[in-house]
Amino acid sequence: QQLQDTVVIAPFDGVVQERRASIGEYLAAGSPIVTLVRMNPLRLRAEV
């Protein structure tokens, strides 16, 4: 499982909002790599 966890896989269709790591950087467990957002559909939040 740890060998599989060396690979980071996209959990849903989306677009990268931010890249937060670079090749060659040593990362601790839990270190962020990218921020991914789902673009369709979108949530509309309004106040009535």
All heavy atoms as atom14 arrays in JSON, in Angstrom:
{
  "sequence": "QQLQDTVVIAPFDGVVQERRASIGEYLAAGSPIVTLVRMNPLRLRAEV",
  "atom14_mask": [
    [1, 1, 1, 1, 1, 1, 1, 1, 1, 0, 0, 0, 0, 0],
    [1, 1, 1, 1, 1, 1, 1, 1, 1, 0, 0, 0, 0, 0],
    [1, 1, 1, 1, 1, 1, 1, 1, 0, 0, 0, 0, 0, 0],
    [1, 1, 1, 1, 1, 1, 1, 1, 1, 0, 0, 0, 0, 0],
    [1, 1, 1, 1, 1, 1, 1, 1, 0, 0, 0, 0, 0, 0],
    [1, 1, 1, 1, 1, 1, 1, 0, 0, 0, 0, 0, 0, 0],
    [1, 1, 1, 1, 1, 1, 1, 0, 0, 0, 0, 0, 0, 0],
    [1, 1, 1, 1, 1, 1, 1, 0, 0, 0, 0, 0, 0, 0],
    [1, 1, 1, 1, 1, 1, 1, 1, 0, 0, 0, 0, 0, 0],
    [1, 1, 1, 1, 1, 0, 0, 0, 0, 0, 0, 0, 0, 0],
    [1, 1, 1, 1, 1, 1, 1, 0, 0, 0, 0, 0, 0, 0],
    [1, 1, 1, 1, 1, 1, 1, 1, 1, 1, 1, 0, 0, 0],
    [1, 1, 1, 1, 1, 1, 1, 1, 0, 0, 0, 0, 0, 0],
    [1, 1, 1, 1, 0, 0, 0, 0, 0, 0, 0, 0, 0, 0],
    [1, 1, 1, 1, 1, 1, 1, 0, 0, 0, 0, 0, 0, 0],
    [1, 1, 1, 1, 1, 1, 1, 0, 0, 0, 0, 0, 0, 0],
    [1, 1, 1, 1, 1, 1, 1, 1, 1, 0, 0, 0, 0, 0],
    [1, 1, 1, 1, 1, 1, 1, 1, 1, 0, 0, 0, 0, 0],
    [1, 1, 1, 1, 1, 1, 1, 1, 1, 1, 1, 0, 0, 0],
    [1, 1, 1, 1, 1, 1, 1, 1, 1, 1, 1, 0, 0, 0],
    [1, 1, 1, 1, 1, 0, 0, 0, 0, 0, 0, 0, 0, 0],
    [1, 1, 1, 1, 1, 1, 0, 0, 0, 0, 0, 0, 0, 0],
    [1, 1, 1, 1, 1, 1, 1, 1, 0, 0, 0, 0, 0, 0],
    [1, 1, 1, 1, 0, 0, 0, 0, 0, 0, 0, 0, 0, 0],
    [1, 1, 1, 1, 1, 1, 1, 1, 1, 0, 0, 0, 0, 0],
    [1, 1, 1, 1, 1, 1, 1, 1, 1, 1, 1, 1, 0, 0],
    [1, 1, 1, 1, 1, 1, 1, 1, 0, 0, 0, 0, 0, 0],
    [1, 1, 1, 1, 1, 0, 0, 0, 0, 0, 0, 0, 0, 0],
    [1, 1, 1, 1, 1, 0, 0, 0, 0, 0, 0, 0, 0, 0],
    [1, 1, 1, 1, 0, 0, 0, 0, 0, 0, 0, 0, 0, 0],
    [1, 1, 1, 1, 1, 1, 0, 0, 0, 0, 0, 0, 0, 0],
    [1, 1, 1, 1, 1, 1, 1, 0, 0, 0, 0, 0, 0, 0],
    [1, 1, 1, 1, 1, 1, 1, 1, 0, 0, 0, 0, 0, 0],
    [1, 1, 1, 1, 1, 1, 1, 0, 0, 0, 0, 0, 0, 0],
    [1, 1, 1, 1, 1, 1, 1, 0, 0, 0, 0, 0, 0, 0],
    [1, 1, 1, 1, 1, 1, 1, 1, 0, 0, 0, 0, 0, 0],
    [1, 1, 1, 1, 1, 1, 1, 0, 0, 0, 0, 0, 0, 0],
    [1, 1, 1, 1, 1, 1, 1, 1, 1, 1, 1, 0, 0, 0],
    [1, 1, 1, 1, 1, 1, 1, 1, 0, 0, 0, 0, 0, 0],
    [1, 1, 1, 1, 1, 1, 1, 1, 0, 0, 0, 0, 0, 0],
    [1, 1, 1, 1, 1, 1, 1, 0, 0, 0, 0, 0, 0, 0],
    [1, 1, 1, 1, 1, 1, 1, 1, 0, 0, 0, 0, 0, 0],
    [1, 1, 1, 1, 1, 1, 1, 1, 1, 1, 1, 0, 0, 0],
    [1, 1, 1, 1, 1, 1, 1, 1, 0, 0, 0, 0, 0, 0],
    [1, 1, 1, 1, 1, 1, 1, 1, 1, 1, 1, 0, 0, 0],
    [1, 1, 1, 1, 1, 0, 0, 0, 0, 0, 0, 0, 0, 0],
    [1, 1, 1, 1, 1, 1, 1, 1, 1, 0, 0, 0, 0, 0],
    [1, 1, 1, 1, 1, 1, 1, 0, 0, 0, 0, 0, 0, 0]
  ],
  "atom14_positions": [
    [[0.84, -1.21, 0.0], [0.0, 0.0, 0.0], [0.87, 1.26, 0.0], [0.57, 2.22, -0.71], [-0.92, -0.01, 1.22], [-1.87, 1.18, 1.29], [-2.82, 1.22, 0.1], [-3.44, 0.21, -0.23], [-2.91, 2.36, -0.55], [0.0, 0.0, 0.0], [0.0, 0.0, 0.0], [0.0, 0.0, 0.0], [0.0, 0.0, 0.0], [0.0, 0.0, 0.0]],
    [[1.94, 1.24, 0.78], [2.85, 2.39, 0.78], [3.48, 2.59, -0.58], [3.7, 3.73, -1.01], [3.91, 2.2, 1.86], [3.39, 2.35, 3.28], [4.47, 2.14, 4.32], [5.48, 1.48, 4.05], [4.26, 2.69, 5.51], [0.0, 0.0, 0.0], [0.0, 0.0, 0.0], [0.0, 0.0, 0.0], [0.0, 0.0, 0.0], [0.0, 0.0, 0.0]],
    [[3.77, 1.5, -1.26], [4.32, 1.62, -2.61], [3.3, 2.25, -3.55], [3.64, 3.1, -4.37], [4.74, 0.24, -3.12], [5.33, 0.19, -4.53], [6.58, 1.07, -4.62], [5.64, -1.24, -4.95], [0.0, 0.0, 0.0], [0.0, 0.0, 0.0], [0.0, 0.0, 0.0], [0.0, 0.0, 0.0], [0.0, 0.0, 0.0], [0.0, 0.0, 0.0]],
    [[2.03, 1.86, -3.4], [0.99, 2.48, -4.21], [0.81, 3.95, -3.85], [0.5, 4.78, -4.71], [-0.33, 1.73, -4.02], [-0.35, 0.33, -4.6], [-1.69, -0.35, -4.41], [-2.64, 0.25, -3.9], [-1.77, -1.62, -4.8], [0.0, 0.0, 0.0], [0.0, 0.0, 0.0], [0.0, 0.0, 0.0], [0.0, 0.0, 0.0], [0.0, 0.0, 0.0]],
    [[1.0, 4.28, -2.56], [0.78, 5.65, -2.11], [1.88, 6.6, -2.56], [1.77, 7.81, -2.35], [0.67, 5.69, -0.58], [-0.61, 5.04, -0.08], [-1.55, 4.93, -0.88], [-0.65, 4.65, 1.1], [0.0, 0.0, 0.0], [0.0, 0.0, 0.0], [0.0, 0.0, 0.0], [0.0, 0.0, 0.0], [0.0, 0.0, 0.0], [0.0, 0.0, 0.0]],
    [[2.92, 6.09, -3.16], [3.92, 6.99, -3.72], [3.37, 7.72, -4.95], [3.94, 8.72, -5.38], [5.19, 6.22, -4.12], [4.85, 5.21, -5.09], [5.82, 5.55, -2.91], [0.0, 0.0, 0.0], [0.0, 0.0, 0.0], [0.0, 0.0, 0.0], [0.0, 0.0, 0.0], [0.0, 0.0, 0.0], [0.0, 0.0, 0.0], [0.0, 0.0, 0.0]],
    [[2.27, 7.23, -5.49], [1.63, 7.85, -6.65], [0.41, 8.65, -6.17], [-0.42, 8.14, -5.41], [1.2, 6.79, -7.67], [0.46, 7.44, -8.84], [2.41, 6.02, -8.16], [0.0, 0.0, 0.0], [0.0, 0.0, 0.0], [0.0, 0.0, 0.0], [0.0, 0.0, 0.0], [0.0, 0.0, 0.0], [0.0, 0.0, 0.0], [0.0, 0.0, 0.0]],
    [[0.29, 9.91, -6.6], [-0.84, 10.77, -6.28], [-1.79, 10.77, -7.47], [-1.38, 11.1, -8.6], [-0.39, 12.21, -5.94], [-1.59, 13.08, -5.62], [0.59, 12.19, -4.78], [0.0, 0.0, 0.0], [0.0, 0.0, 0.0], [0.0, 0.0, 0.0], [0.0, 0.0, 0.0], [0.0, 0.0, 0.0], [0.0, 0.0, 0.0], [0.0, 0.0, 0.0]],
    [[-3.04, 10.39, -7.23], [-4.03, 10.21, -8.3], [-5.17, 11.21, -8.1], [-5.6, 11.47, -6.97], [-4.56, 8.76, -8.3], [-3.41, 7.79, -8.61], [-5.68, 8.59, -9.31], [-3.8, 6.34, -8.53], [0.0, 0.0, 0.0], [0.0, 0.0, 0.0], [0.0, 0.0, 0.0], [0.0, 0.0, 0.0], [0.0, 0.0, 0.0], [0.0, 0.0, 0.0]],
    [[-5.68, 11.75, -9.21], [-6.81, 12.69, -9.15], [-8.07, 11.96, -8.7], [-8.45, 10.96, -9.3], [-7.03, 13.33, -10.52], [0.0, 0.0, 0.0], [0.0, 0.0, 0.0], [0.0, 0.0, 0.0], [0.0, 0.0, 0.0], [0.0, 0.0, 0.0], [0.0, 0.0, 0.0], [0.0, 0.0, 0.0], [0.0, 0.0, 0.0], [0.0, 0.0, 0.0]],
    [[-8.75, 12.47, -7.65], [-9.95, 11.79, -7.16], [-11.21, 12.12, -7.97], [-12.21, 11.43, -7.84], [-10.08, 12.31, -5.72], [-9.46, 13.67, -5.77], [-8.37, 13.6, -6.79], [0.0, 0.0, 0.0], [0.0, 0.0, 0.0], [0.0, 0.0, 0.0], [0.0, 0.0, 0.0], [0.0, 0.0, 0.0], [0.0, 0.0, 0.0], [0.0, 0.0, 0.0]],
    [[-11.17, 13.18, -8.78], [-12.32, 13.54, -9.61], [-11.84, 14.38, -10.79], [-10.7, 14.85, -10.82], [-13.37, 14.31, -8.79], [-12.82, 15.48, -8.02], [-12.55, 16.69, -8.63], [-12.58, 15.38, -6.65], [-12.04, 17.77, -7.93], [-12.06, 16.44, -5.93], [-11.79, 17.64, -6.57], [0.0, 0.0, 0.0], [0.0, 0.0, 0.0], [0.0, 0.0, 0.0]],
    [[-12.73, 14.54, -11.78], [-12.42, 15.41, -12.91], [-12.36, 16.85, -12.43], [-13.25, 17.31, -11.7], [-13.49, 15.29, -13.99], [-13.57, 13.89, -14.57], [-12.64, 13.1, -14.32], [-14.57, 13.58, -15.24], [0.0, 0.0, 0.0], [0.0, 0.0, 0.0], [0.0, 0.0, 0.0], [0.0, 0.0, 0.0], [0.0, 0.0, 0.0], [0.0, 0.0, 0.0]],
    [[-11.32, 17.56, -12.83], [-11.22, 18.94, -12.39], [-10.08, 19.67, -13.06], [-9.49, 19.21, -14.05], [0.0, 0.0, 0.0], [0.0, 0.0, 0.0], [0.0, 0.0, 0.0], [0.0, 0.0, 0.0], [0.0, 0.0, 0.0], [0.0, 0.0, 0.0], [0.0, 0.0, 0.0], [0.0, 0.0, 0.0], [0.0, 0.0, 0.0], [0.0, 0.0, 0.0]],
    [[-9.77, 20.85, -12.48], [-8.7, 21.72, -13.0], [-7.8, 22.1, -11.83], [-8.27, 22.34, -10.72], [-9.29, 22.98, -13.66], [-8.19, 23.91, -14.15], [-10.21, 22.6, -14.81], [0.0, 0.0, 0.0], [0.0, 0.0, 0.0], [0.0, 0.0, 0.0], [0.0, 0.0, 0.0], [0.0, 0.0, 0.0], [0.0, 0.0, 0.0], [0.0, 0.0, 0.0]],
    [[-6.5, 22.14, -12.09], [-5.54, 22.49, -11.05], [-5.63, 23.98, -10.75], [-5.42, 24.82, -11.64], [-4.11, 22.11, -11.48], [-3.1, 22.57, -10.44], [-4.01, 20.6, -11.68], [0.0, 0.0, 0.0], [0.0, 0.0, 0.0], [0.0, 0.0, 0.0], [0.0, 0.0, 0.0], [0.0, 0.0, 0.0], [0.0, 0.0, 0.0], [0.0, 0.0, 0.0]],
    [[-5.95, 24.3, -9.51], [-6.03, 25.7, -9.09], [-4.68, 26.23, -8.62], [-4.38, 27.41, -8.8], [-7.04, 25.83, -7.95], [-7.22, 27.25, -7.44], [-8.17, 27.32, -6.28], [-8.64, 26.31, -5.79], [-8.47, 28.53, -5.83], [0.0, 0.0, 0.0], [0.0, 0.0, 0.0], [0.0, 0.0, 0.0], [0.0, 0.0, 0.0], [0.0, 0.0, 0.0]],
    [[-3.86, 25.35, -8.05], [-2.56, 25.79, -7.52], [-1.6, 24.6, -7.47], [-1.98, 23.51, -7.06], [-2.73, 26.37, -6.12], [-1.47, 26.93, -5.52], [-1.68, 27.49, -4.12], [-2.79, 27.29, -3.58], [-0.76, 28.1, -3.57], [0.0, 0.0, 0.0], [0.0, 0.0, 0.0], [0.0, 0.0, 0.0], [0.0, 0.0, 0.0], [0.0, 0.0, 0.0]],
    [[-0.37, 24.84, -7.89], [0.7, 23.84, -7.76], [1.59, 24.27, -6.61], [2.07, 25.4, -6.57], [1.5, 23.76, -9.06], [2.75, 22.9, -8.94], [3.44, 22.77, -10.28], [4.81, 22.23, -10.12], [5.57, 21.86, -11.13], [5.11, 21.97, -12.38], [6.79, 21.4, -10.92], [0.0, 0.0, 0.0], [0.0, 0.0, 0.0], [0.0, 0.0, 0.0]],
    [[1.85, 23.33, -5.67], [2.5, 23.71, -4.42], [3.77, 22.92, -4.14], [4.29, 22.95, -3.03], [1.51, 23.54, -3.27], [0.22, 24.31, -3.49], [-0.79, 24.08, -2.41], [-0.35, 24.56, -1.12], [-1.1, 24.55, -0.02], [-2.33, 24.05, -0.08], [-0.63, 24.99, 1.12], [0.0, 0.0, 0.0], [0.0, 0.0, 0.0], [0.0, 0.0, 0.0]],
    [[4.3, 22.18, -5.09], [5.54, 21.42, -4.9], [6.27, 21.32, -6.23], [5.68, 21.49, -7.31], [5.25, 20.04, -4.34], [0.0, 0.0, 0.0], [0.0, 0.0, 0.0], [0.0, 0.0, 0.0], [0.0, 0.0, 0.0], [0.0, 0.0, 0.0], [0.0, 0.0, 0.0], [0.0, 0.0, 0.0], [0.0, 0.0, 0.0], [0.0, 0.0, 0.0]],
    [[7.58, 21.02, -6.14], [8.41, 20.92, -7.34], [9.22, 19.63, -7.29], [9.45, 19.06, -6.23], [9.36, 22.11, -7.43], [8.64, 23.33, -7.51], [0.0, 0.0, 0.0], [0.0, 0.0, 0.0], [0.0, 0.0, 0.0], [0.0, 0.0, 0.0], [0.0, 0.0, 0.0], [0.0, 0.0, 0.0], [0.0, 0.0, 0.0], [0.0, 0.0, 0.0]],
    [[9.65, 19.19, -8.46], [10.45, 17.97, -8.57], [11.76, 18.12, -7.79], [12.4, 19.17, -7.84], [10.73, 17.65, -10.05], [9.43, 17.31, -10.78], [11.73, 16.51, -10.19], [9.61, 17.05, -12.24], [0.0, 0.0, 0.0], [0.0, 0.0, 0.0], [0.0, 0.0, 0.0], [0.0, 0.0, 0.0], [0.0, 0.0, 0.0], [0.0, 0.0, 0.0]],
    [[12.13, 17.06, -7.07], [13.35, 17.08, -6.28], [13.14, 17.51, -4.85], [14.05, 17.35, -4.01], [0.0, 0.0, 0.0], [0.0, 0.0, 0.0], [0.0, 0.0, 0.0], [0.0, 0.0, 0.0], [0.0, 0.0, 0.0], [0.0, 0.0, 0.0], [0.0, 0.0, 0.0], [0.0, 0.0, 0.0], [0.0, 0.0, 0.0], [0.0, 0.0, 0.0]],
    [[11.99, 18.03, -4.53], [11.71, 18.49, -3.17], [11.35, 17.29, -2.28], [10.58, 16.43, -2.68], [10.55, 19.49, -3.21], [10.22, 20.12, -1.89], [9.11, 21.16, -2.03], [8.7, 21.43, -3.17], [8.66, 21.68, -1.0], [0.0, 0.0, 0.0], [0.0, 0.0, 0.0], [0.0, 0.0, 0.0], [0.0, 0.0, 0.0], [0.0, 0.0, 0.0]],
    [[11.96, 17.25, -1.06], [11.63, 16.17, -0.13], [10.37, 16.57, 0.63], [10.29, 17.64, 1.23], [12.78, 15.91, 0.85], [12.53, 14.7, 1.72], [12.88, 13.43, 1.28], [11.9, 14.82, 2.95], [12.64, 12.3, 2.06], [11.65, 13.71, 3.74], [12.02, 12.45, 3.29], [11.77, 11.34, 4.06], [0.0, 0.0, 0.0], [0.0, 0.0, 0.0]],
    [[9.4, 15.68, 0.61], [8.09, 15.96, 1.19], [7.83, 15.02, 2.36], [8.07, 13.82, 2.27], [6.99, 15.79, 0.14], [7.12, 16.63, -1.13], [6.03, 16.28, -2.11], [7.09, 18.12, -0.8], [0.0, 0.0, 0.0], [0.0, 0.0, 0.0], [0.0, 0.0, 0.0], [0.0, 0.0, 0.0], [0.0, 0.0, 0.0], [0.0, 0.0, 0.0]],
    [[7.34, 15.58, 3.44], [6.89, 14.77, 4.57], [5.5, 14.23, 4.27], [4.8, 14.71, 3.35], [6.88, 15.61, 5.84], [0.0, 0.0, 0.0], [0.0, 0.0, 0.0], [0.0, 0.0, 0.0], [0.0, 0.0, 0.0], [0.0, 0.0, 0.0], [0.0, 0.0, 0.0], [0.0, 0.0, 0.0], [0.0, 0.0, 0.0], [0.0, 0.0, 0.0]],
    [[5.09, 13.24, 5.03], [3.74, 12.69, 4.84], [2.71, 13.78, 5.09], [2.76, 14.49, 6.09], [3.52, 11.52, 5.79], [0.0, 0.0, 0.0], [0.0, 0.0, 0.0], [0.0, 0.0, 0.0], [0.0, 0.0, 0.0], [0.0, 0.0, 0.0], [0.0, 0.0, 0.0], [0.0, 0.0, 0.0], [0.0, 0.0, 0.0], [0.0, 0.0, 0.0]],
    [[1.78, 13.92, 4.15], [0.75, 14.94, 4.27], [1.09, 16.26, 3.62], [0.26, 17.19, 3.65], [0.0, 0.0, 0.0], [0.0, 0.0, 0.0], [0.0, 0.0, 0.0], [0.0, 0.0, 0.0], [0.0, 0.0, 0.0], [0.0, 0.0, 0.0], [0.0, 0.0, 0.0], [0.0, 0.0, 0.0], [0.0, 0.0, 0.0], [0.0, 0.0, 0.0]],
    [[2.26, 16.39, 3.03], [2.64, 17.65, 2.37], [1.78, 17.87, 1.13], [1.61, 16.96, 0.31], [4.11, 17.63, 1.98], [4.92, 17.51, 3.12], [0.0, 0.0, 0.0], [0.0, 0.0, 0.0], [0.0, 0.0, 0.0], [0.0, 0.0, 0.0], [0.0, 0.0, 0.0], [0.0, 0.0, 0.0], [0.0, 0.0, 0.0], [0.0, 0.0, 0.0]],
    [[1.22, 19.08, 0.94], [0.36, 19.33, -0.23], [1.17, 19.42, -1.51], [2.31, 19.91, -1.52], [-0.31, 20.67, 0.11], [0.66, 21.34, 1.04], [1.32, 20.25, 1.83], [0.0, 0.0, 0.0], [0.0, 0.0, 0.0], [0.0, 0.0, 0.0], [0.0, 0.0, 0.0], [0.0, 0.0, 0.0], [0.0, 0.0, 0.0], [0.0, 0.0, 0.0]],
    [[0.56, 18.97, -2.59], [1.2, 19.03, -3.91], [0.43, 19.97, -4.83], [1.01, 20.89, -5.4], [1.3, 17.63, -4.53], [2.24, 16.75, -3.69], [1.81, 17.7, -5.96], [2.41, 15.36, -4.22], [0.0, 0.0, 0.0], [0.0, 0.0, 0.0], [0.0, 0.0, 0.0], [0.0, 0.0, 0.0], [0.0, 0.0, 0.0], [0.0, 0.0, 0.0]],
    [[-0.87, 19.75, -5.0], [-1.69, 20.6, -5.85], [-3.06, 20.77, -5.2], [-3.47, 19.96, -4.36], [-1.88, 20.03, -7.28], [-0.56, 19.94, -8.01], [-2.56, 18.67, -7.21], [0.0, 0.0, 0.0], [0.0, 0.0, 0.0], [0.0, 0.0, 0.0], [0.0, 0.0, 0.0], [0.0, 0.0, 0.0], [0.0, 0.0, 0.0], [0.0, 0.0, 0.0]],
    [[-3.75, 21.85, -5.6], [-5.14, 22.06, -5.22], [-6.0, 21.87, -6.47], [-5.77, 22.52, -7.49], [-5.36, 23.47, -4.64], [-4.54, 23.63, -3.48], [-6.81, 23.68, -4.25], [0.0, 0.0, 0.0], [0.0, 0.0, 0.0], [0.0, 0.0, 0.0], [0.0, 0.0, 0.0], [0.0, 0.0, 0.0], [0.0, 0.0, 0.0], [0.0, 0.0, 0.0]],
    [[-6.97, 20.99, -6.36], [-7.8, 20.61, -7.51], [-9.24, 21.03, -7.25], [-9.76, 20.86, -6.14], [-7.73, 19.1, -7.72], [-8.39, 18.51, -8.96], [-7.68, 19.0, -10.21], [-8.37, 16.99, -8.9], [0.0, 0.0, 0.0], [0.0, 0.0, 0.0], [0.0, 0.0, 0.0], [0.0, 0.0, 0.0], [0.0, 0.0, 0.0], [0.0, 0.0, 0.0]],
    [[-9.9, 21.6, -8.27], [-11.29, 22.02, -8.15], [-12.13, 21.37, -9.25], [-11.67, 21.21, -10.38], [-11.44, 23.56, -8.23], [-10.8, 24.23, -7.03], [-10.83, 24.11, -9.51], [0.0, 0.0, 0.0], [0.0, 0.0, 0.0], [0.0, 0.0, 0.0], [0.0, 0.0, 0.0], [0.0, 0.0, 0.0], [0.0, 0.0, 0.0], [0.0, 0.0, 0.0]],
    [[-13.36, 21.01, -8.88], [-14.31, 20.48, -9.88], [-15.07, 21.66, -10.48], [-15.66, 22.47, -9.75], [-15.29, 19.52, -9.21], [-16.16, 18.76, -10.2], [-17.36, 18.13, -9.5], [-16.97, 17.13, -8.54], [-16.82, 15.84, -8.8], [-17.01, 15.4, -10.03], [-16.49, 14.99, -7.85], [0.0, 0.0, 0.0], [0.0, 0.0, 0.0], [0.0, 0.0, 0.0]],
    [[-15.1, 21.74, -11.8], [-15.64, 22.91, -12.5], [-17.06, 22.72, -13.01], [-17.7, 23.69, -13.41], [-14.73, 23.26, -13.68], [-13.32, 23.67, -13.27], [-13.3, 25.21, -12.33], [-13.79, 26.37, -13.61], [0.0, 0.0, 0.0], [0.0, 0.0, 0.0], [0.0, 0.0, 0.0], [0.0, 0.0, 0.0], [0.0, 0.0, 0.0], [0.0, 0.0, 0.0]],
    [[-17.56, 21.51, -13.03], [-18.91, 21.3, -13.54], [-19.57, 20.14, -12.8], [-19.01, 19.03, -12.8], [-18.89, 21.01, -15.04], [-20.27, 20.95, -15.66], [-21.16, 21.7, -15.27], [-20.46, 20.06, -16.61], [0.0, 0.0, 0.0], [0.0, 0.0, 0.0], [0.0, 0.0, 0.0], [0.0, 0.0, 0.0], [0.0, 0.0, 0.0], [0.0, 0.0, 0.0]],
    [[-20.74, 20.4, -12.18], [-21.41, 21.69, -12.06], [-20.73, 22.57, -11.02], [-19.83, 22.13, -10.32], [-22.81, 21.3, -11.63], [-22.6, 20.05, -10.82], [-21.48, 19.31, -11.49], [0.0, 0.0, 0.0], [0.0, 0.0, 0.0], [0.0, 0.0, 0.0], [0.0, 0.0, 0.0], [0.0, 0.0, 0.0], [0.0, 0.0, 0.0], [0.0, 0.0, 0.0]],
    [[-21.21, 23.82, -10.93], [-20.72, 24.74, -9.91], [-21.78, 24.91, -8.83], [-22.98, 24.77, -9.08], [-20.39, 26.1, -10.52], [-19.21, 26.14, -11.5], [-19.01, 27.57, -12.0], [-17.93, 25.64, -10.85], [0.0, 0.0, 0.0], [0.0, 0.0, 0.0], [0.0, 0.0, 0.0], [0.0, 0.0, 0.0], [0.0, 0.0, 0.0], [0.0, 0.0, 0.0]],
    [[-21.32, 25.23, -7.63], [-22.23, 25.56, -6.54], [-22.55, 27.06, -6.6], [-21.63, 27.89, -6.67], [-21.61, 25.25, -5.19], [-21.43, 23.77, -4.89], [-20.8, 23.6, -3.52], [-20.47, 22.22, -3.25], [-21.25, 21.39, -2.56], [-22.4, 21.83, -2.08], [-20.88, 20.14, -2.33], [0.0, 0.0, 0.0], [0.0, 0.0, 0.0], [0.0, 0.0, 0.0]],
    [[-23.82, 27.39, -6.57], [-24.24, 28.78, -6.45], [-24.73, 28.99, -5.02], [-25.68, 28.35, -4.58], [-25.36, 29.09, -7.44], [-26.05, 30.44, -7.24], [-25.1, 31.59, -7.54], [-27.3, 30.55, -8.09], [0.0, 0.0, 0.0], [0.0, 0.0, 0.0], [0.0, 0.0, 0.0], [0.0, 0.0, 0.0], [0.0, 0.0, 0.0], [0.0, 0.0, 0.0]],
    [[-24.06, 29.88, -4.29], [-24.47, 30.21, -2.93], [-25.05, 31.6, -2.93], [-24.43, 32.56, -3.41], [-23.28, 30.13, -1.97], [-22.76, 28.72, -1.74], [-21.79, 28.68, -0.56], [-21.32, 27.32, -0.32], [-20.15, 26.86, -0.71], [-19.33, 27.65, -1.37], [-19.78, 25.62, -0.44], [0.0, 0.0, 0.0], [0.0, 0.0, 0.0], [0.0, 0.0, 0.0]],
    [[-26.27, 31.73, -2.4], [-26.95, 33.02, -2.35], [-27.64, 33.16, -1.0], [-27.9, 32.18, -0.31], [-27.97, 33.15, -3.49], [0.0, 0.0, 0.0], [0.0, 0.0, 0.0], [0.0, 0.0, 0.0], [0.0, 0.0, 0.0], [0.0, 0.0, 0.0], [0.0, 0.0, 0.0], [0.0, 0.0, 0.0], [0.0, 0.0, 0.0], [0.0, 0.0, 0.0]],
    [[-27.94, 34.41, -0.64], [-28.61, 34.7, 0.61], [-29.97, 35.34, 0.32], [-30.05, 36.32, -0.43], [-27.76, 35.63, 1.49], [-26.47, 34.99, 1.97], [-25.69, 35.89, 2.9], [-26.03, 37.1, 2.98], [-24.76, 35.41, 3.57], [0.0, 0.0, 0.0], [0.0, 0.0, 0.0], [0.0, 0.0, 0.0], [0.0, 0.0, 0.0], [0.0, 0.0, 0.0]],
    [[-31.0, 34.77, 0.91], [-32.38, 35.23, 0.7], [-32.85, 35.93, 1.96], [-32.67, 35.39, 3.06], [-33.3, 34.03, 0.37], [-34.75, 34.48, 0.24], [-32.84, 33.35, -0.91], [0.0, 0.0, 0.0], [0.0, 0.0, 0.0], [0.0, 0.0, 0.0], [0.0, 0.0, 0.0], [0.0, 0.0, 0.0], [0.0, 0.0, 0.0], [0.0, 0.0, 0.0]]
  ]
}
